[in-house]
Each structure stands twice: as structure tokens, then as C-alpha cells.
Protein backbone atom coordinates (compact mmCIF):
# COMPACT_ATOMS: atom_id res chain seq x y z
CA MET A 1 39.54 -17.39 -21.79
CA THR A 2 36.13 -18.87 -20.97
CA TYR A 3 36.22 -22.21 -22.73
CA SER A 4 32.44 -22.40 -23.22
CA ASN A 5 32.54 -19.29 -25.41
CA HIS A 6 34.76 -21.03 -27.93
CA LEU A 7 33.11 -24.41 -28.43
CA ILE A 8 33.40 -25.82 -31.95
CA HIS A 9 31.31 -29.01 -31.85
CA GLY A 10 28.51 -27.66 -29.65
CA ASN A 11 27.21 -24.54 -27.99
CA GLU A 12 25.77 -23.35 -24.68
CA LEU A 13 22.04 -22.75 -24.85
CA THR A 14 20.23 -19.79 -23.41
CA SER A 15 17.53 -20.66 -20.89
CA GLU A 16 14.83 -19.94 -23.48
CA SER A 17 16.22 -22.82 -25.58
CA PHE A 18 16.61 -25.44 -22.83
CA SER A 19 13.37 -27.09 -23.94
CA LYS A 20 15.13 -28.25 -27.13
CA THR A 21 16.92 -30.89 -25.06
CA ALA A 22 13.94 -32.30 -23.13
CA GLY A 23 13.67 -35.34 -25.40
CA LEU A 24 17.35 -36.17 -24.98
CA PHE A 25 16.96 -37.00 -21.30
CA VAL A 26 14.06 -39.47 -21.45
CA ASN A 27 16.33 -42.24 -20.14
CA LEU A 28 17.00 -40.15 -17.02
CA LYS A 29 13.34 -39.51 -16.21
CA HIS A 30 13.83 -40.32 -12.52
CA HIS A 31 15.84 -37.13 -12.06
CA LEU A 32 13.43 -34.33 -11.24
CA SER A 33 16.26 -31.80 -11.27
CA ILE A 34 16.59 -32.14 -15.07
CA LYS A 35 12.96 -31.15 -15.53
CA GLY A 36 13.56 -28.31 -13.10
CA VAL A 37 16.40 -26.83 -15.15
CA ILE A 38 14.55 -27.16 -18.45
CA SER A 39 11.48 -25.47 -16.95
CA GLY A 40 13.57 -22.67 -15.46
CA LEU A 41 12.90 -23.51 -11.81
CA ILE A 42 16.37 -24.82 -10.95
CA PRO A 43 19.60 -22.99 -11.88
CA GLY A 44 21.63 -24.80 -14.50
CA ARG A 45 23.54 -24.73 -17.75
CA VAL A 46 22.90 -26.78 -20.89
CA PHE A 47 25.32 -27.56 -23.73
CA LEU A 48 24.03 -29.06 -27.00
CA SER A 49 26.02 -30.69 -29.79
CA ASN A 50 25.84 -29.04 -33.20
CA ASP A 51 23.80 -31.91 -34.61
CA GLY A 52 21.26 -31.55 -31.76
CA ARG A 53 21.60 -35.22 -30.80
CA THR A 54 23.58 -35.05 -27.53
CA ALA A 55 23.51 -32.74 -24.52
CA LEU A 56 25.30 -32.05 -21.24
CA LEU A 57 23.17 -30.51 -18.47
CA MET A 58 24.67 -29.08 -15.29
CA ASN A 59 22.75 -28.26 -12.10
CA PRO A 60 23.30 -28.35 -8.31
CA GLN A 61 22.81 -32.14 -8.34
CA GLY A 62 25.60 -32.78 -10.84
CA PHE A 63 26.21 -33.37 -14.54
CA PHE A 64 23.79 -35.24 -16.82
CA LEU A 65 24.62 -36.69 -20.23
CA GLY A 66 21.76 -37.47 -22.57
CA GLY A 67 20.88 -38.25 -26.16
CA SER A 68 23.14 -40.14 -28.54
CA PRO A 69 26.33 -41.80 -27.24
CA LYS A 70 27.80 -41.62 -30.77
CA ASN A 71 29.21 -38.11 -30.77
CA THR A 72 32.97 -38.43 -30.42
CA LEU A 73 34.05 -34.86 -31.18
CA PHE A 74 31.44 -33.38 -28.85
CA PHE A 75 32.49 -35.70 -26.00
CA ILE A 76 36.16 -34.76 -26.42
CA GLU A 77 35.13 -31.12 -26.24
CA VAL A 78 32.99 -31.79 -23.15
CA ASN A 79 36.07 -33.25 -21.46
CA GLU A 80 37.91 -29.99 -22.12
CA LEU A 81 34.91 -27.99 -20.95
CA LEU A 82 34.79 -29.90 -17.67
CA SER A 83 38.50 -29.80 -16.95
CA LYS A 84 39.15 -26.21 -18.04
CA GLU A 85 36.01 -24.40 -16.90
CA LEU A 86 33.19 -26.23 -15.13
CA LEU A 87 35.09 -28.17 -12.45
CA PRO A 88 37.53 -25.31 -11.66
CA SER A 89 34.55 -22.99 -11.31
CA LEU A 90 32.91 -25.36 -8.83
CA ALA A 91 36.18 -25.69 -6.90
CA THR A 92 36.51 -21.90 -6.71
CA ARG A 93 33.03 -21.70 -5.20
CA GLY A 94 34.03 -24.20 -2.51
CA GLU A 95 32.18 -27.17 -4.01
CA LEU A 96 34.18 -30.30 -3.19
CA ASP A 97 32.86 -32.94 -5.55
CA TYR A 98 30.57 -33.78 -8.45
CA VAL A 99 28.41 -36.65 -9.63
CA MET A 100 27.94 -37.55 -13.29
CA PHE A 101 24.72 -39.26 -14.39
CA TYR A 102 24.21 -41.02 -17.72
CA PRO A 103 21.79 -43.49 -19.38
CA SER A 104 23.09 -46.60 -17.64
CA ASN A 105 20.65 -48.86 -19.49
CA ASP A 106 22.66 -48.38 -22.71
CA ASP A 107 26.07 -50.12 -22.81
CA SER A 108 27.16 -47.98 -25.74
CA TRP A 109 27.64 -45.11 -23.27
CA ILE A 110 30.73 -46.83 -21.83
CA GLU A 111 32.95 -45.66 -24.69
CA ALA A 112 31.41 -42.18 -24.57
CA LEU A 113 32.15 -41.89 -20.85
CA GLU A 114 35.79 -42.78 -21.45
CA LEU A 115 36.04 -39.80 -23.80
CA VAL A 116 34.20 -37.42 -21.49
CA THR A 117 36.27 -38.33 -18.41
CA ARG A 118 39.60 -39.31 -19.98
CA THR A 119 41.61 -36.73 -17.98
CA LEU A 120 39.39 -36.54 -14.89
CA LEU A 121 40.02 -39.93 -13.21
CA PRO A 122 36.49 -40.32 -11.80
CA LEU A 123 35.43 -43.20 -9.57
CA ARG A 124 32.45 -45.51 -9.91
CA SER A 125 29.63 -46.02 -7.47
CA GLU A 126 25.85 -46.33 -7.41
CA ARG A 127 22.96 -44.15 -6.38
CA MET A 128 19.33 -44.96 -5.88
CA THR A 129 16.01 -43.13 -6.07
CA LEU A 130 13.07 -43.82 -3.77
CA THR A 131 9.52 -42.52 -4.03
CA PHE A 132 6.78 -41.88 -1.47
CA ASP A 133 3.08 -42.73 -1.71
CA MET A 134 1.29 -39.62 -0.44
CA ASN A 135 -1.53 -41.78 0.95
CA ASN A 136 0.81 -42.65 3.81
CA THR A 137 1.32 -39.05 4.89
CA PRO A 138 1.10 -38.28 8.64
CA ASN A 139 -1.52 -35.86 9.97
CA THR A 140 0.38 -34.02 12.70
CA LEU A 141 3.87 -32.72 13.41
CA ASN A 142 5.93 -34.39 16.13
CA ASP A 143 6.95 -32.36 19.17
CA TYR A 144 9.92 -30.04 18.62
CA ILE A 145 9.49 -30.17 14.82
CA VAL A 146 9.07 -26.71 13.29
CA PRO A 147 8.36 -25.74 9.65
CA VAL A 148 11.04 -23.78 7.81
CA ASP A 149 9.55 -20.52 6.62
CA ALA A 150 10.56 -16.88 6.17
CA SER A 151 10.11 -16.08 9.86
CA LEU A 152 12.27 -18.99 11.02
CA LEU A 153 15.01 -18.12 8.53
CA LYS A 154 15.19 -14.61 10.04
CA ARG A 155 15.51 -15.74 13.67
CA GLN A 156 18.65 -14.68 15.50
CA ASP A 157 18.38 -17.07 18.45
CA LEU A 158 18.87 -20.42 16.70
CA ILE A 159 22.25 -22.11 16.72
CA GLY A 160 22.74 -24.04 13.49
CA LEU A 161 20.50 -21.83 11.37
CA ASP A 162 23.48 -20.76 9.29
CA ASP A 163 23.98 -24.41 8.26
CA VAL A 164 20.35 -24.66 7.16
CA ILE A 165 20.66 -21.46 5.13
CA SER A 166 23.89 -22.74 3.57
CA GLU A 167 22.10 -25.95 2.57
CA ILE A 168 19.34 -23.92 0.90
CA ASP A 169 21.85 -21.70 -0.90
CA GLY A 170 23.53 -24.82 -2.34
CA GLY A 171 20.48 -25.87 -4.33
CA TRP A 172 18.13 -22.94 -4.66
CA PRO A 173 18.64 -19.73 -6.67
CA SER A 174 18.02 -17.68 -3.52
CA LEU A 175 16.45 -17.76 -0.08
CA GLU A 176 13.50 -15.89 -1.55
CA ALA A 177 13.00 -18.65 -4.12
CA PHE A 178 13.01 -21.25 -1.36
CA GLU A 179 10.55 -19.22 0.70
CA ASP A 180 8.29 -18.99 -2.35
CA ARG A 181 8.31 -22.64 -3.49
CA GLY A 182 10.37 -24.70 -1.07
CA PHE A 183 9.59 -26.06 2.37
CA GLY A 184 10.94 -28.28 5.11
CA CYS A 185 11.16 -28.87 8.83
CA VAL A 186 13.78 -28.58 11.55
CA ALA A 187 14.10 -30.21 14.96
CA ILE A 188 14.90 -27.68 17.69
CA GLN A 189 16.25 -28.65 21.10
CA SER A 190 17.46 -26.66 24.09
CA THR A 191 21.15 -27.41 24.62
CA ASP A 192 23.93 -25.99 26.78
CA GLU A 193 24.66 -23.54 23.97
CA GLY A 194 21.03 -22.44 23.61
CA LEU A 195 18.19 -23.28 21.24
CA THR A 196 19.79 -25.46 18.57
CA ILE A 197 18.71 -26.93 15.25
CA ILE A 198 19.83 -30.53 15.56
CA SER A 199 18.20 -32.00 12.43
CA TRP A 200 16.49 -30.83 9.29
CA CYS A 201 14.67 -32.07 6.21
CA LEU A 202 14.45 -29.66 3.27
CA THR A 203 13.22 -29.79 -0.30
CA ASP A 204 16.16 -29.93 -2.69
CA TRP A 205 13.79 -28.69 -5.41
CA VAL A 206 10.11 -28.41 -6.18
CA VAL A 207 8.96 -28.79 -9.79
CA GLY A 208 5.24 -28.59 -10.43
CA SER A 209 3.53 -31.04 -8.08
CA GLU A 210 6.73 -33.04 -7.42
CA CYS A 211 9.64 -32.51 -5.09
CA GLU A 212 12.75 -34.21 -3.75
CA VAL A 213 13.93 -33.93 -0.15
CA GLY A 214 17.16 -34.41 1.76
CA ILE A 215 17.97 -34.74 5.46
CA GLN A 216 20.81 -33.90 7.81
CA THR A 217 21.25 -34.55 11.53
CA GLU A 218 24.07 -33.22 13.70
CA GLU A 219 26.39 -36.15 14.44
CA ARG A 220 26.01 -36.18 18.23
CA TYR A 221 22.21 -36.40 17.93
CA ARG A 222 22.06 -39.25 15.43
CA GLY A 223 20.43 -42.54 16.30
CA ASN A 224 17.54 -40.96 18.22
CA GLY A 225 14.98 -40.75 15.43
CA TRP A 226 15.28 -37.02 14.69
CA ALA A 227 15.86 -37.52 10.96
CA ARG A 228 12.67 -39.58 10.75
CA LYS A 229 10.68 -36.95 12.67
CA THR A 230 11.83 -34.05 10.48
CA LEU A 231 11.16 -36.15 7.37
CA LEU A 232 7.62 -36.89 8.53
CA GLY A 233 7.13 -33.19 9.11
CA ALA A 234 8.27 -32.34 5.59
CA LEU A 235 5.92 -34.98 4.16
CA LEU A 236 3.00 -33.44 6.03
CA LEU A 237 3.85 -30.02 4.56
CA ALA A 238 4.14 -31.62 1.09
CA LYS A 239 0.61 -32.99 1.38
CA GLN A 240 -0.71 -29.63 2.54
CA LYS A 241 0.89 -27.94 -0.46
CA GLY A 242 -0.65 -30.36 -2.97
CA ILE A 243 2.51 -32.29 -3.78
CA THR A 244 1.67 -35.58 -5.51
CA ARG A 245 5.10 -37.24 -5.44
CA VAL A 246 8.09 -36.92 -3.13
CA GLY A 247 11.44 -38.34 -4.25
CA TRP A 248 14.58 -39.24 -2.32
CA GLN A 249 18.08 -39.89 -3.63
CA CYS A 250 21.07 -41.36 -1.82
CA TRP A 251 24.17 -43.45 -2.40
CA SER A 252 23.29 -47.12 -2.73
CA ASN A 253 25.71 -48.01 0.07
CA ASN A 254 24.17 -45.46 2.47
CA ILE A 255 22.09 -47.97 4.37
CA GLY A 256 21.20 -45.49 7.11
CA SER A 257 19.67 -43.06 4.62
CA GLN A 258 17.66 -45.83 2.97
CA ARG A 259 16.38 -47.10 6.32
CA THR A 260 15.23 -43.63 7.31
CA ALA A 261 13.36 -43.19 4.03
CA MET A 262 11.78 -46.64 4.04
CA SER A 263 10.82 -46.37 7.72
CA VAL A 264 8.20 -43.77 6.75
CA GLY A 265 7.01 -45.51 3.58
CA PHE A 266 9.41 -44.64 0.75
CA LYS A 267 9.82 -47.43 -1.82
CA PRO A 268 12.85 -48.04 -4.07
CA LEU A 269 12.26 -46.80 -7.60
CA ALA A 270 15.61 -47.08 -9.40
CA ASP A 271 19.21 -48.10 -8.72
CA PHE A 272 21.87 -46.93 -11.17
CA PRO A 273 25.65 -46.54 -11.60
CA VAL A 274 27.25 -43.08 -11.58
CA LEU A 275 30.69 -41.55 -11.84
CA PHE A 276 31.94 -39.17 -9.18
CA GLY A 277 35.05 -37.17 -8.46
CA TRP A 278 36.48 -34.15 -6.69
CA ASN A 279 36.53 -30.78 -8.42
CA HIS A 280 40.08 -29.87 -7.45
CA PRO A 281 42.46 -32.24 -9.34
CA LEU A 282 44.82 -32.80 -6.39
CA ASN A 283 41.89 -33.54 -4.07
CA ASN A 284 40.75 -36.03 -6.68
CA PHE A 285 44.12 -37.81 -6.59
CA LEU A 286 43.93 -38.19 -2.81
CA VAL A 287 40.38 -39.51 -3.03
CA ASN A 288 41.53 -41.95 -5.72
CA GLY A 289 44.24 -43.09 -3.32
CA ASN A 290 41.65 -43.74 -0.60
CA TYR A 291 39.33 -45.48 -3.05
CA TYR A 292 41.87 -47.88 -4.55
CA MET A 293 43.48 -48.61 -1.18
CA ARG A 294 40.14 -49.79 0.20
CA GLY A 295 38.71 -51.26 -3.01
CA ASP A 296 35.08 -51.44 -4.05
CA ILE A 297 33.05 -54.61 -3.73
CA LYS A 298 31.22 -54.10 -7.03
CA TYR A 299 33.56 -52.03 -9.16
CA GLY A 300 36.93 -53.55 -8.50
CA SER A 301 39.27 -55.01 -5.93
CA LYS A 302 42.05 -53.14 -4.18
CA ASP A 303 44.73 -51.70 -6.44
CA TYR A 304 47.71 -50.80 -4.27
CA ALA A 305 49.90 -49.64 -7.14
CA ARG A 306 47.26 -47.25 -8.44
CA ALA A 307 46.49 -46.04 -4.93
CA ALA A 308 50.17 -45.37 -4.20
CA TRP A 309 50.62 -43.45 -7.47
CA SER A 310 47.48 -41.39 -6.82
CA TYR A 311 48.58 -40.38 -3.34
CA ALA A 312 52.07 -39.52 -4.58
CA VAL A 313 50.85 -37.11 -7.28
CA ALA A 314 49.23 -34.89 -4.65
CA LEU A 315 51.62 -35.41 -1.73
CA ASP A 316 54.70 -34.68 -3.82
CA LYS A 317 53.19 -31.25 -4.52
CA GLY A 318 52.57 -30.64 -0.83
CA TRP A 319 48.82 -31.20 -1.13
CA ASP A 320 48.03 -33.16 2.05
CA TRP A 321 44.78 -31.76 3.44
CA ASN A 322 46.49 -29.47 5.93
CA GLY A 323 49.11 -31.93 7.05
CA ASP A 324 47.12 -35.14 7.34
CA ALA A 325 49.77 -37.61 8.53
CA THR A 326 47.52 -40.56 7.66
CA LEU A 327 47.92 -39.88 3.94
CA TYR A 328 51.70 -40.29 4.25
CA TRP A 329 51.27 -43.44 6.35
CA ASN A 330 48.96 -44.93 3.75
CA SER A 331 51.42 -44.07 0.99
CA ALA A 332 54.33 -45.60 2.91
CA CYS A 333 52.45 -48.87 3.38
CA LEU A 334 51.32 -49.06 -0.24
CA PHE A 335 54.75 -48.37 -1.70
CA TYR A 336 56.20 -50.96 0.68
CA LEU A 337 53.67 -53.52 -0.52
CA ILE A 338 54.48 -52.95 -4.19
CA GLY A 339 58.22 -53.25 -3.53
CA GLU A 340 59.27 -49.60 -3.74
CA ASN A 341 61.03 -49.53 -0.39
CA ASP A 342 62.89 -46.24 -0.83
CA ARG A 343 59.67 -44.37 -1.52
CA ALA A 344 58.02 -46.21 1.37
CA LYS A 345 60.74 -44.95 3.73
CA GLN A 346 60.37 -41.42 2.35
CA TYR A 347 56.64 -41.27 3.05
CA TYR A 348 56.96 -42.97 6.43
CA GLN A 349 59.48 -40.35 7.53
CA LYS A 350 57.14 -37.63 6.32
CA ALA A 351 54.27 -39.22 8.25
CA ILE A 352 56.36 -39.11 11.44
CA GLU A 353 57.20 -35.45 10.81
CA LYS A 354 53.50 -34.71 10.42
CA GLY A 355 52.71 -36.34 13.76
CA TRP A 356 51.91 -39.96 12.88
CA LYS A 357 51.80 -42.24 15.95
CA ASN A 358 50.21 -45.58 15.08
CA ILE A 359 47.02 -47.14 13.73
CA HIS A 360 45.45 -47.31 17.19
CA VAL A 361 45.28 -43.55 17.65
CA PRO A 362 41.86 -42.16 16.62
CA HIS A 363 41.77 -40.50 13.19
CA TYR A 364 39.26 -38.05 11.84
CA HIS A 365 38.48 -40.14 8.76
CA GLU A 366 38.10 -43.83 8.06
CA TYR A 367 40.68 -44.16 5.28
CA VAL A 368 43.59 -45.55 7.26
CA TYR A 369 45.68 -48.55 6.21
CA ARG A 370 44.73 -50.96 9.00
CA GLU A 371 45.45 -54.50 7.83
CA VAL A 372 46.90 -57.58 9.52
CA ASP A 373 50.36 -56.59 8.31
CA SER A 374 50.18 -52.97 9.53
CA GLU A 375 52.31 -53.54 12.63
CA GLU A 376 54.87 -55.52 10.65
CA ILE A 377 55.16 -52.79 8.00
CA ALA A 378 55.49 -50.13 10.70
CA GLY A 379 58.31 -52.11 12.34
CA LYS A 380 60.18 -52.58 9.05
CA LEU A 381 59.90 -48.92 8.14
CA ALA A 382 60.88 -47.79 11.64
CA GLU A 383 64.02 -49.92 11.47
CA ALA A 384 64.88 -48.43 8.10
């Protein structure tokens, strides 16, 4: 059963009716992607409460709640909609995570969010929007910076082009739609493998005379200014196409992204809290484990008990990201710290079976329990 076909306290709108909800998202005016969905330029879905006072909008950027926060029955139904249809659908398509935006300037949304996310266990963080003054636009492209157009997207000699096309497919209805309205630049270098795209800056969406851009640089080429060069190239194209405002969004703790944007003249416009989570429930439990093990400076200190429980829900079902021994090590340490020694031994033994060595061996992600007591805990568990 498709849950959205059986809503009781709201209904899914057809694209011709999206404009009914425009006034409900005035407190989220910094999000160009909302305007894009309502105008039909960005793919999305919109759900409206029966009283017409509250809406949920979904697009490639995430989920947006708008209108009245006093709509209990609709919010309970939205929770079911998310957990039974929308998030599983994203997970099936290979989408890892989601972000949920809401009118953060209204404290009455706190209770509404609890209803919407009551079974989802989302985490809290912050994002920020920056904006660019087109008067600061450069006049020429840097060397090795090439515009992304139909001819480039058809080239067979470029390593990394598939990643660029995948990025476009994630936000645009089609490659043809991007070729028609979108634009961007790539940095091409000759490497041992051949001509390679090492960095790119693409429009996430273009709505009227506004757009938002995003960047990506291959890890081994970072720190050499390529992101800045491709960004400058995209800004030049924006000016040539008559764009009057370019926006940029990133996580508030992504200092590198902010520095790149501000190095060419972007200015902060808004900073706001969001909720985020992983579309697959068991992935979400593992991410919760990482989150509460490390803690968050603004949204709460470390919570070892909650982290241990979160890890256990997924690991006890064999969900361990293809045998990631670090997850079992983290769980062993956390259960040891909260006094559940038998479970600590269980997860430590599993970590050893999965190939765990010690905290000094390089790991492919940063979420490893490395504290002053790590060696002591390892010794205790090894003895046991």
C-alpha cells in the first residue's frame, strides 16, 4: 500500500496546485529550492493539511515544514508518511540521508517536530546560507577551468565525468534540463590515468534569475585552490547568463566550505538549526551511535548510554557497514563505561573477529573511540 494514497488529515497536491502553499513557506524564504518546486522547475512533492494551514514539501534538498505548527493530527500522519513511504523510497534509490528544515524563528515548532519525528530519531545540527554580490564577479576563466555544457557531458575521454553526471542527476530532473537551464565549471588536469576532472562547481538549481551552487574536489587534489577556481568560473557564467543572485548552502561546522565561498566574496545571509538523519533505519542507529559517542558542542554533551544502545540495535541485527570492526570496538568501550561488562566483552570479541587491532591503526572514518582511557579499556577487555 502506498501510504500517501490513504491520508486522512491531508492530501498530496498535484503540481498544478503547488502554488496554494507558497504563503506557508514565507519563513523559509532563504531556500530557493522551495520556490523551484512550487514553480515547477525542481522535482518535488507537496502535502497539504485538510485545513490548508500546514504543508510538507519534499525536494532533492530535503524536507520542508511550513505554515501553522498547531496541527497535531496532520503531524502524526506526516510521521507515518515519512517512516512508511518517503524515507524507504529514498533508501531504495540509494539516497543515504535527509535534512529537515522548519521555521526555526518560531519556538512553537518544537512540539510539532517531536510529533513529526517521534519514531525517526533524527539528530540536530545547523546549516547556513551565503549570498554573492554579482558586482564582484570575475571577468575571465582561470587556466584548466572548462564550462560544463552538452558537448562536455558527451565526452568519452574524461575520467570523473560519471561523478559529475551523477551529481547532476541527484538534483535535476534530467541531463537535458541541466543543459537547458543549469551551468557550471570543471577543473581538468592530465594525470597518470589520463585527462581527469579533479574539481567541479555546478548549479544545484536555477529559478528565474537566481541560482544556488555546490562544489566538490577529489580528495587528493584538495588544498590547492581548485574549488575556488571552479567556483569563480561558475560565477562568471552566472553573470553572463543574467543571474542576479547566487546562493550557497553548507553545514555551519564546515569551515572549509565557508572559507571557499567567502574567499570569492560570498557573505553570510542566515544560520539556522535543522534536523537530519539516515533514510535506512539501521544506518540511522549507527549514525546515532557515532553522534552521541562524540557529542555535539551546541546540541548536547556525550551520551554514552544512548550511543551504546543505538549501536546495539543495528549490530545485533548484523548491520555493521560490511564488517566495520570499529563499530564493535566503540560499542565495547561504551558498554564498559556504563557498567555493562558482559555486553562490553561480547562486542570486543566481535571486534577482534572482524579484524580490530588497536586505535593506532588507520581507520577509514573518524568515529573511533580514542580517549585517554582507550588503552586501559582495551587491556581490561583483552584480559576478560
